[in-house]
Amino acid sequence: MDIHALRAFDDNYIWLLRQGRHVVVVDPGDEAPVLRYLEAERAGLAAILLTHHHGDHSGGVAALLGRHPAPVFGPANETIAGVSRPLREGDRVDLPDLGGSLRVIDVPGHTRGHVAYYGHGALFCGDTLFACGCGRLFEGTAAQMWASLGKLAALPADTRVYCAHEYTQANIRFALAVEPGNEALQARAARVAEQRAQDQATVPFALAEELATNPFLRSAIPAVAAAAERHCGATLDGPSEVFAALREWRNGFR
């Protein structure tokens, strides 16, 4: 299947999975760019996949269904209007029109019931994992998010990650505050600066690069833990506490 990006709002990405004239849409917060694409490509909507309930991810569902009736897959632990196929960890989303399926992974933290979809070497993770960052904890706990990120970090290193926002450059500024001596991170910062100067997307990205540069996935690394302890002025007991301290640090970082 082919994967295409549509930009929405200030920094959202809506992902389209396409095979022939069949299109599956991931997190359509805005129906307008999706409708324009379907019309221009003379394509049909095969399904909608939702990762969580926030409006910038689900706000376009009703309007899309009004024009293109289709099954809507979404997290069973959240209430989202229009969802016809509620999902939990271990479920599979069969996409016969696209000739494949995706595995559902529960990733609570950003919201209570957030899910991610994995298959064919691609991860659609909504607002859980970002390039060099992770989602804010609006409904879940730091321990939940750390466990959720651990599930994603355990996927094959060559997984391509399709998150829902263009936050990379701001996230890298924070990552450099945590690990200024990380050479892989320095190289990534330079490359991303060039991309953004040309208004190029920095998503998708490889999971392997996150493992080397994303401080939230590196909470067990001594240099990252030491930076978190210096910032909060306390000894932290293990990676989960380090992650919690990093997330609090990031919340106020400018």
C-alpha atoms as a PDB file:
ATOM      1  CA  MET A   1       0.000   0.000   0.000  1.00  0.00           C
ATOM      2  CA  ASP A   2       1.021   3.591  -0.551  1.00  0.00           C
ATOM      3  CA  ILE A   3       0.980   6.074   2.338  1.00  0.00           C
ATOM      4  CA  HIS A   4       0.305   9.759   1.720  1.00  0.00           C
ATOM      5  CA  ALA A   5       0.177  12.779   4.044  1.00  0.00           C
ATOM      6  CA  LEU A   6      -2.403  15.545   4.078  1.00  0.00           C
ATOM      7  CA  ARG A   7      -1.672  18.637   6.134  1.00  0.00           C
ATOM      8  CA  ALA A   8      -4.395  20.025   8.373  1.00  0.00           C
ATOM      9  CA  PHE A   9      -4.700  22.929  10.817  1.00  0.00           C
ATOM     10  CA  ASP A  10      -1.326  24.370  11.852  1.00  0.00           C
ATOM     11  CA  ASP A  11       0.746  21.219  12.205  1.00  0.00           C
ATOM     12  CA  ASN A  12      -1.436  18.096  11.911  1.00  0.00           C
ATOM     13  CA  TYR A  13      -0.877  15.220   9.528  1.00  0.00           C
ATOM     14  CA  ILE A  14      -3.765  13.117   8.257  1.00  0.00           C
ATOM     15  CA  TRP A  15      -2.443   9.830   6.879  1.00  0.00           C
ATOM     16  CA  LEU A  16      -3.924   8.083   3.862  1.00  0.00           C
ATOM     17  CA  LEU A  17      -3.274   4.403   3.152  1.00  0.00           C
ATOM     18  CA  ARG A  18      -4.030   3.703  -0.477  1.00  0.00           C
ATOM     19  CA  GLN A  19      -4.246   0.719  -2.770  1.00  0.00           C
ATOM     20  CA  GLY A  20      -5.632   1.474  -6.221  1.00  0.00           C
ATOM     21  CA  ARG A  21      -8.705   3.643  -5.703  1.00  0.00           C
ATOM     22  CA  HIS A  22      -9.306   2.450  -2.123  1.00  0.00           C
ATOM     23  CA  VAL A  23      -8.248   4.813   0.671  1.00  0.00           C
ATOM     24  CA  VAL A  24      -8.087   4.337   4.450  1.00  0.00           C
ATOM     25  CA  VAL A  25      -7.825   7.578   6.440  1.00  0.00           C
ATOM     26  CA  VAL A  26      -6.047   7.852   9.803  1.00  0.00           C
ATOM     27  CA  ASP A  27      -7.132  10.573  12.263  1.00  0.00           C
ATOM     28  CA  PRO A  28      -9.123  12.929  10.007  1.00  0.00           C
ATOM     29  CA  GLY A  29      -9.521  15.915  12.300  1.00  0.00           C
ATOM     30  CA  ASP A  30     -10.537  18.016   9.299  1.00  0.00           C
ATOM     31  CA  GLU A  31     -12.681  16.547   6.547  1.00  0.00           C
ATOM     32  CA  ALA A  32     -11.902  19.217   3.925  1.00  0.00           C
ATOM     33  CA  PRO A  33      -8.468  18.036   2.719  1.00  0.00           C
ATOM     34  CA  VAL A  34      -9.675  14.432   2.694  1.00  0.00           C
ATOM     35  CA  LEU A  35     -12.732  15.247   0.606  1.00  0.00           C
ATOM     36  CA  ARG A  36     -10.623  17.250  -1.826  1.00  0.00           C
ATOM     37  CA  TYR A  37      -8.209  14.341  -2.184  1.00  0.00           C
ATOM     38  CA  LEU A  38     -10.930  11.738  -2.728  1.00  0.00           C
ATOM     39  CA  GLU A  39     -12.584  13.913  -5.364  1.00  0.00           C
ATOM     40  CA  ALA A  40      -9.366  14.778  -7.179  1.00  0.00           C
ATOM     41  CA  GLU A  41      -8.200  11.156  -7.205  1.00  0.00           C
ATOM     42  CA  ARG A  42     -11.662   9.707  -7.850  1.00  0.00           C
ATOM     43  CA  ALA A  43     -11.007   7.403  -4.926  1.00  0.00           C
ATOM     44  CA  GLY A  44     -13.329   5.747  -2.420  1.00  0.00           C
ATOM     45  CA  LEU A  45     -13.144   5.775   1.356  1.00  0.00           C
ATOM     46  CA  ALA A  46     -12.620   2.196   2.550  1.00  0.00           C
ATOM     47  CA  ALA A  47     -12.308   2.904   6.305  1.00  0.00           C
ATOM     48  CA  ILE A  48     -11.407   5.459   8.965  1.00  0.00           C
ATOM     49  CA  LEU A  49      -8.911   4.690  11.733  1.00  0.00           C
ATOM     50  CA  LEU A  50      -8.880   6.798  14.906  1.00  0.00           C
ATOM     51  CA  THR A  51      -6.177   6.749  17.569  1.00  0.00           C
ATOM     52  CA  HIS A  52      -7.994   8.840  20.196  1.00  0.00           C
ATOM     53  CA  HIS A  53     -10.879  11.205  20.785  1.00  0.00           C
ATOM     54  CA  HIS A  54      -9.307  14.672  20.496  1.00  0.00           C
ATOM     55  CA  GLY A  55     -11.088  16.867  17.969  1.00  0.00           C
ATOM     56  CA  ASP A  56      -8.048  17.523  15.797  1.00  0.00           C
ATOM     57  CA  HIS A  57      -7.997  13.765  15.155  1.00  0.00           C
ATOM     58  CA  SER A  58     -11.687  12.897  14.993  1.00  0.00           C
ATOM     59  CA  GLY A  59     -13.491  16.125  14.113  1.00  0.00           C
ATOM     60  CA  GLY A  60     -13.931  15.328  10.432  1.00  0.00           C
ATOM     61  CA  VAL A  61     -15.538  11.918  10.858  1.00  0.00           C
ATOM     62  CA  ALA A  62     -19.208  12.953  10.690  1.00  0.00           C
ATOM     63  CA  ALA A  63     -18.765  15.002   7.523  1.00  0.00           C
ATOM     64  CA  LEU A  64     -16.774  12.239   5.837  1.00  0.00           C
ATOM     65  CA  LEU A  65     -19.407   9.629   6.660  1.00  0.00           C
ATOM     66  CA  GLY A  66     -22.075  11.938   5.272  1.00  0.00           C
ATOM     67  CA  ARG A  67     -20.386  11.750   1.875  1.00  0.00           C
ATOM     68  CA  HIS A  68     -18.589   8.396   2.053  1.00  0.00           C
ATOM     69  CA  PRO A  69     -20.167   5.791   4.377  1.00  0.00           C
ATOM     70  CA  ALA A  70     -17.425   3.515   5.728  1.00  0.00           C
ATOM     71  CA  PRO A  71     -16.505   1.561   8.857  1.00  0.00           C
ATOM     72  CA  VAL A  72     -14.854   3.624  11.583  1.00  0.00           C
ATOM     73  CA  PHE A  73     -12.311   1.888  13.814  1.00  0.00           C
ATOM     74  CA  GLY A  74     -11.355   3.452  17.135  1.00  0.00           C
ATOM     75  CA  PRO A  75     -10.392   2.791  20.752  1.00  0.00           C
ATOM     76  CA  ALA A  76     -12.935   0.813  22.798  1.00  0.00           C
ATOM     77  CA  ASN A  77     -11.961   2.690  25.965  1.00  0.00           C
ATOM     78  CA  GLU A  78     -13.011   6.087  24.639  1.00  0.00           C
ATOM     79  CA  THR A  79     -16.344   7.469  23.520  1.00  0.00           C
ATOM     80  CA  ILE A  80     -16.056   8.809  19.980  1.00  0.00           C
ATOM     81  CA  ALA A  81     -19.095   9.572  17.842  1.00  0.00           C
ATOM     82  CA  GLY A  82     -19.179   7.524  14.674  1.00  0.00           C
ATOM     83  CA  VAL A  83     -16.988   4.623  15.795  1.00  0.00           C
ATOM     84  CA  SER A  84     -18.575   1.398  14.561  1.00  0.00           C
ATOM     85  CA  ARG A  85     -15.683  -0.984  15.269  1.00  0.00           C
ATOM     86  CA  PRO A  86     -14.296  -0.512  18.810  1.00  0.00           C
ATOM     87  CA  LEU A  87     -10.798  -1.961  19.275  1.00  0.00           C
ATOM     88  CA  ARG A  88      -8.514  -3.196  22.049  1.00  0.00           C
ATOM     89  CA  GLU A  89      -4.953  -4.426  22.218  1.00  0.00           C
ATOM     90  CA  GLY A  90      -4.498  -7.617  20.243  1.00  0.00           C
ATOM     91  CA  ASP A  91      -7.310  -6.887  17.811  1.00  0.00           C
ATOM     92  CA  ARG A  92      -6.531  -6.702  14.124  1.00  0.00           C
ATOM     93  CA  VAL A  93      -7.977  -4.306  11.581  1.00  0.00           C
ATOM     94  CA  ASP A  94      -8.502  -6.209   8.355  1.00  0.00           C
ATOM     95  CA  LEU A  95      -8.285  -4.012   5.288  1.00  0.00           C
ATOM     96  CA  PRO A  96      -9.318  -6.296   2.422  1.00  0.00           C
ATOM     97  CA  ASP A  97      -9.395  -3.464  -0.110  1.00  0.00           C
ATOM     98  CA  LEU A  98      -5.763  -2.743   0.714  1.00  0.00           C
ATOM     99  CA  GLY A  99      -4.696  -6.371   0.915  1.00  0.00           C
ATOM    100  CA  GLY A 100      -3.458  -6.329   4.503  1.00  0.00           C
ATOM    101  CA  SER A 101      -4.179  -5.800   8.174  1.00  0.00           C
ATOM    102  CA  LEU A 102      -2.923  -3.756  11.115  1.00  0.00           C
ATOM    103  CA  ARG A 103      -2.369  -4.820  14.714  1.00  0.00           C
ATOM    104  CA  VAL A 104      -3.887  -2.711  17.492  1.00  0.00           C
ATOM    105  CA  ILE A 105      -1.687  -1.651  20.419  1.00  0.00           C
ATOM    106  CA  ASP A 106      -3.087  -0.007  23.560  1.00  0.00           C
ATOM    107  CA  VAL A 107      -0.956   3.056  24.373  1.00  0.00           C
ATOM    108  CA  PRO A 108      -2.685   4.998  27.187  1.00  0.00           C
ATOM    109  CA  GLY A 109      -1.039   8.133  28.510  1.00  0.00           C
ATOM    110  CA  HIS A 110      -1.913  11.043  26.257  1.00  0.00           C
ATOM    111  CA  THR A 111      -5.539   9.976  26.647  1.00  0.00           C
ATOM    112  CA  ARG A 112      -7.079   7.172  28.641  1.00  0.00           C
ATOM    113  CA  GLY A 113      -7.798   4.848  25.727  1.00  0.00           C
ATOM    114  CA  HIS A 114      -5.307   5.888  23.037  1.00  0.00           C
ATOM    115  CA  VAL A 115      -4.429   3.143  20.539  1.00  0.00           C
ATOM    116  CA  ALA A 116      -1.806   2.748  17.819  1.00  0.00           C
ATOM    117  CA  TYR A 117      -1.882   0.704  14.625  1.00  0.00           C
ATOM    118  CA  TYR A 118       1.073  -1.350  13.382  1.00  0.00           C
ATOM    119  CA  GLY A 119       1.610  -3.366  10.242  1.00  0.00           C
ATOM    120  CA  HIS A 120       3.555  -3.616   6.996  1.00  0.00           C
ATOM    121  CA  GLY A 121       6.512  -1.916   8.676  1.00  0.00           C
ATOM    122  CA  ALA A 122       4.476   1.193   9.552  1.00  0.00           C
ATOM    123  CA  LEU A 123       3.296   2.557  12.910  1.00  0.00           C
ATOM    124  CA  PHE A 124       0.427   5.043  13.178  1.00  0.00           C
ATOM    125  CA  CYS A 125       0.740   6.316  16.723  1.00  0.00           C
ATOM    126  CA  GLY A 126      -1.329   9.501  16.898  1.00  0.00           C
ATOM    127  CA  ASP A 127      -0.058  11.659  19.760  1.00  0.00           C
ATOM    128  CA  THR A 128       1.853   9.011  21.712  1.00  0.00           C
ATOM    129  CA  LEU A 129       5.290   9.095  20.090  1.00  0.00           C
ATOM    130  CA  PHE A 130       6.612  12.104  18.186  1.00  0.00           C
ATOM    131  CA  ALA A 131       9.948  12.678  16.492  1.00  0.00           C
ATOM    132  CA  CYS A 132      12.251  13.359  19.457  1.00  0.00           C
ATOM    133  CA  GLY A 133       9.227  13.699  21.728  1.00  0.00           C
ATOM    134  CA  CYS A 134       6.039  12.226  23.144  1.00  0.00           C
ATOM    135  CA  GLY A 135       2.511  13.394  23.874  1.00  0.00           C
ATOM    136  CA  ARG A 136       1.424  15.371  26.895  1.00  0.00           C
ATOM    137  CA  LEU A 137      -0.274  13.483  29.708  1.00  0.00           C
ATOM    138  CA  PHE A 138      -3.817  14.809  29.539  1.00  0.00           C
ATOM    139  CA  GLU A 139      -5.621  11.785  30.985  1.00  0.00           C
ATOM    140  CA  GLY A 140      -3.078   9.069  31.727  1.00  0.00           C
ATOM    141  CA  THR A 141      -0.144   8.817  34.100  1.00  0.00           C
ATOM    142  CA  ALA A 142       3.586   9.009  33.480  1.00  0.00           C
ATOM    143  CA  ALA A 143       3.891   5.319  34.355  1.00  0.00           C
ATOM    144  CA  GLN A 144       1.263   4.459  31.734  1.00  0.00           C
ATOM    145  CA  MET A 145       2.974   6.540  29.064  1.00  0.00           C
ATOM    146  CA  TRP A 146       6.376   5.059  29.867  1.00  0.00           C
ATOM    147  CA  ALA A 147       4.903   1.572  29.483  1.00  0.00           C
ATOM    148  CA  SER A 148       3.180   2.576  26.237  1.00  0.00           C
ATOM    149  CA  LEU A 149       6.395   3.982  24.788  1.00  0.00           C
ATOM    150  CA  GLY A 150       8.133   0.763  25.791  1.00  0.00           C
ATOM    151  CA  LYS A 151       5.707  -1.212  23.638  1.00  0.00           C
ATOM    152  CA  LEU A 152       6.472   0.997  20.650  1.00  0.00           C
ATOM    153  CA  ALA A 153      10.221   0.956  21.268  1.00  0.00           C
ATOM    154  CA  ALA A 154      10.123  -2.852  21.145  1.00  0.00           C
ATOM    155  CA  LEU A 155       8.877  -2.866  17.542  1.00  0.00           C
ATOM    156  CA  PRO A 156      11.415  -3.597  14.773  1.00  0.00           C
ATOM    157  CA  ALA A 157      14.018  -0.842  14.516  1.00  0.00           C
ATOM    158  CA  ASP A 158      13.256  -0.299  10.825  1.00  0.00           C
ATOM    159  CA  THR A 159       9.623   0.572  11.579  1.00  0.00           C
ATOM    160  CA  ARG A 160       8.515   3.799   9.902  1.00  0.00           C
ATOM    161  CA  VAL A 161       6.676   6.014  12.399  1.00  0.00           C
ATOM    162  CA  TYR A 162       3.728   8.115  11.230  1.00  0.00           C
ATOM    163  CA  CYS A 163       2.790  10.449  14.074  1.00  0.00           C
ATOM    164  CA  ALA A 164       0.151  13.148  13.803  1.00  0.00           C
ATOM    165  CA  HIS A 165       2.021  16.429  14.289  1.00  0.00           C
ATOM    166  CA  GLU A 166       5.015  18.337  12.934  1.00  0.00           C
ATOM    167  CA  TYR A 167       6.669  19.011  16.289  1.00  0.00           C
ATOM    168  CA  THR A 168      10.161  17.792  15.426  1.00  0.00           C
ATOM    169  CA  GLN A 169      12.167  21.005  15.512  1.00  0.00           C
ATOM    170  CA  ALA A 170      10.777  22.136  18.872  1.00  0.00           C
ATOM    171  CA  ASN A 171      11.262  18.656  20.295  1.00  0.00           C
ATOM    172  CA  ILE A 172      14.872  18.589  19.167  1.00  0.00           C
ATOM    173  CA  ARG A 173      15.580  21.843  21.021  1.00  0.00           C
ATOM    174  CA  PHE A 174      14.457  20.132  24.215  1.00  0.00           C
ATOM    175  CA  ALA A 175      16.338  16.924  23.418  1.00  0.00           C
ATOM    176  CA  LEU A 176      19.551  18.939  23.003  1.00  0.00           C
ATOM    177  CA  ALA A 177      18.999  20.510  26.425  1.00  0.00           C
ATOM    178  CA  VAL A 178      18.867  16.995  27.854  1.00  0.00           C
ATOM    179  CA  GLU A 179      21.692  15.427  25.815  1.00  0.00           C
ATOM    180  CA  PRO A 180      23.843  18.198  24.313  1.00  0.00           C
ATOM    181  CA  GLY A 181      26.694  15.768  23.642  1.00  0.00           C
ATOM    182  CA  ASN A 182      24.622  13.264  21.641  1.00  0.00           C
ATOM    183  CA  GLU A 183      26.264  13.285  18.203  1.00  0.00           C
ATOM    184  CA  ALA A 184      23.384  11.483  16.501  1.00  0.00           C
ATOM    185  CA  LEU A 185      21.034  14.123  17.885  1.00  0.00           C
ATOM    186  CA  GLN A 186      23.286  16.956  16.701  1.00  0.00           C
ATOM    187  CA  ALA A 187      23.300  15.516  13.181  1.00  0.00           C
ATOM    188  CA  ARG A 188      19.541  15.116  13.250  1.00  0.00           C
ATOM    189  CA  ALA A 189      19.102  18.715  14.397  1.00  0.00           C
ATOM    190  CA  ALA A 190      21.118  19.993  11.447  1.00  0.00           C
ATOM    191  CA  ARG A 191      19.176  17.865   8.963  1.00  0.00           C
ATOM    192  CA  VAL A 192      15.792  18.855  10.389  1.00  0.00           C
ATOM    193  CA  ALA A 193      16.716  22.549  10.316  1.00  0.00           C
ATOM    194  CA  GLU A 194      17.359  22.236   6.573  1.00  0.00           C
ATOM    195  CA  GLN A 195      14.107  20.345   6.018  1.00  0.00           C
ATOM    196  CA  ARG A 196      11.989  22.860   7.894  1.00  0.00           C
ATOM    197  CA  ALA A 197      13.694  25.807   6.179  1.00  0.00           C
ATOM    198  CA  GLN A 198      12.313  24.329   2.951  1.00  0.00           C
ATOM    199  CA  ASP A 199       8.913  23.527   4.517  1.00  0.00           C
ATOM    200  CA  GLN A 200       9.556  19.806   4.152  1.00  0.00           C
ATOM    201  CA  ALA A 201       7.908  17.273   6.445  1.00  0.00           C
ATOM    202  CA  THR A 202      10.105  15.493   8.991  1.00  0.00           C
ATOM    203  CA  VAL A 203       7.562  12.683   9.361  1.00  0.00           C
ATOM    204  CA  PRO A 204       7.649   9.727   8.881  1.00  0.00           C
ATOM    205  CA  PHE A 205      10.872   8.758  10.586  1.00  0.00           C
ATOM    206  CA  ALA A 206      12.628   5.536  11.534  1.00  0.00           C
ATOM    207  CA  LEU A 207      12.165   4.049  14.984  1.00  0.00           C
ATOM    208  CA  ALA A 208      15.908   3.348  15.099  1.00  0.00           C
ATOM    209  CA  GLU A 209      16.571   7.074  14.974  1.00  0.00           C
ATOM    210  CA  GLU A 210      14.222   7.634  17.909  1.00  0.00           C
ATOM    211  CA  LEU A 211      16.065   5.067  19.982  1.00  0.00           C
ATOM    212  CA  ALA A 212      19.261   7.037  19.345  1.00  0.00           C
ATOM    213  CA  THR A 213      17.942  10.578  19.820  1.00  0.00           C
ATOM    214  CA  ASN A 214      14.589  10.749  21.637  1.00  0.00           C
ATOM    215  CA  PRO A 215      15.165  11.442  25.357  1.00  0.00           C
ATOM    216  CA  PHE A 216      11.773   9.994  26.284  1.00  0.00           C
ATOM    217  CA  LEU A 217      12.788   6.609  24.880  1.00  0.00           C
ATOM    218  CA  ARG A 218      16.223   6.953  26.487  1.00  0.00           C
ATOM    219  CA  SER A 219      15.175   7.404  30.113  1.00  0.00           C
ATOM    220  CA  ALA A 220      17.286   4.392  31.095  1.00  0.00           C
ATOM    221  CA  ILE A 221      20.448   5.954  29.602  1.00  0.00           C
ATOM    222  CA  PRO A 222      22.710   7.279  32.417  1.00  0.00           C
ATOM    223  CA  ALA A 223      23.354  10.646  30.732  1.00  0.00           C
ATOM    224  CA  VAL A 224      19.625  11.248  30.309  1.00  0.00           C
ATOM    225  CA  ALA A 225      18.862  10.233  33.884  1.00  0.00           C
ATOM    226  CA  ALA A 226      21.635  12.505  35.184  1.00  0.00           C
ATOM    227  CA  ALA A 227      20.247  15.471  33.236  1.00  0.00           C
ATOM    228  CA  ALA A 228      16.744  14.866  34.610  1.00  0.00           C
ATOM    229  CA  GLU A 229      18.100  14.635  38.169  1.00  0.00           C
ATOM    230  CA  ARG A 230      20.061  17.869  37.761  1.00  0.00           C
ATOM    231  CA  HIS A 231      16.988  19.645  36.468  1.00  0.00           C
ATOM    232  CA  CYS A 232      14.621  18.520  39.228  1.00  0.00           C
ATOM    233  CA  GLY A 233      17.252  18.517  41.988  1.00  0.00           C
ATOM    234  CA  ALA A 234      16.370  15.057  43.243  1.00  0.00           C
ATOM    235  CA  THR A 235      17.471  11.454  42.926  1.00  0.00           C
ATOM    236  CA  LEU A 236      15.157   9.514  40.617  1.00  0.00           C
ATOM    237  CA  ASP A 237      14.353   5.859  41.138  1.00  0.00           C
ATOM    238  CA  GLY A 238      14.542   4.182  37.762  1.00  0.00           C
ATOM    239  CA  PRO A 239      13.544   4.975  34.176  1.00  0.00           C
ATOM    240  CA  SER A 240       9.854   5.526  34.917  1.00  0.00           C
ATOM    241  CA  GLU A 241      10.658   8.349  37.358  1.00  0.00           C
ATOM    242  CA  VAL A 242      13.218   9.743  34.934  1.00  0.00           C
ATOM    243  CA  PHE A 243      10.582   9.754  32.217  1.00  0.00           C
ATOM    244  CA  ALA A 244       8.105  11.544  34.518  1.00  0.00           C
ATOM    245  CA  ALA A 245      10.710  14.197  35.327  1.00  0.00           C
ATOM    246  CA  LEU A 246      11.526  14.672  31.641  1.00  0.00           C
ATOM    247  CA  ARG A 247       7.850  15.083  30.784  1.00  0.00           C
ATOM    248  CA  GLU A 248       7.431  17.748  33.490  1.00  0.00           C
ATOM    249  CA  TRP A 249      10.586  19.492  32.286  1.00  0.00           C
ATOM    250  CA  ARG A 250       9.303  19.465  28.708  1.00  0.00           C
ATOM    251  CA  ASN A 251       5.938  20.922  29.769  1.00  0.00           C
ATOM    252  CA  GLY A 252       7.603  24.157  30.827  1.00  0.00           C
ATOM    253  CA  PHE A 253      10.446  24.212  28.301  1.00  0.00           C
ATOM    254  CA  ARG A 254      10.612  27.134  25.873  1.00  0.00           C
END
